[in-house]
Amino acid sequence: MQDTSGTHEQGLAKSAVEGDEIIARLRIRDVLINGKLIFVIDNVVVGQQIHSIYQEIMSLPYHFGELDYKGDEYPISAHELDTGRSMQVTALTQTVTMLVDMQFPDLTHRLDRSYVNQVRYGDMTYPHTDASRNSKNVTAIFYANEAWNRQFGGETNFYDFRGENLCAVLPRPGRLVLFHGSIEHNGSPPTRITTIPRYTVAFKFDSR
């Protein structure tokens, strides 16, 4: 039988080095809403990787059906993601999982669902939560467009218990936002001048 232990150890060492390189380039800021932290993380992916992910995301088939809440009459286009579909998607999933573990170290996390939202000018989105108020589940949103102008809008808005918008996160390329799914939020549609969809990759974690 062939001894593959050396190859496995090399793979682990390579992954550790790549993880350290990612962490070294990150810019992280946090916002507190309802006593819970939101992390906005830039430079999660950079350069050619942004382009490769964007090309992959654009090539996917999209279907109307993603709802902000039960009874939503205006579903948006989405694609249920196969995390093993490609090297780009697999690497992104691994990076997001690593950062969720890093920013929420007191919890254990299991990826429950991942999918891509495709939102265009004229779509309707609503403030909603991804989990009950007492849930510890974590949501991660990766902004997948390779270029974005702030005039295009498309911010992710976060609200407190009173419905006040306390934080708006612009969908900058390579940016990731992490938050407890119990925080009310919505992804704004792009503005009228935007000729391309806003693509976000959502990762929903069962966190305990």
Foldseek 3Di string as FASTA:
>chain_A
DDDCVVVVVVVVVVVVVVLVVLVVPKDWDWDAAPNWIKIKIAPNDDDPLLVVLLVVVVPDDWDFDDAQDPPRPFGFIKFWDDCVPDPSSVVSVVSVLVVVCVVPVVKDKDWDTKMKTWFAPPGDKDWHFPDAQPAQKKKKKAWRDSADDVLFPFWKFWAHPVRDGDDTHDSGGRMMMMTGRNIIIMTDHTDPVDPGITMMMMIIIRID
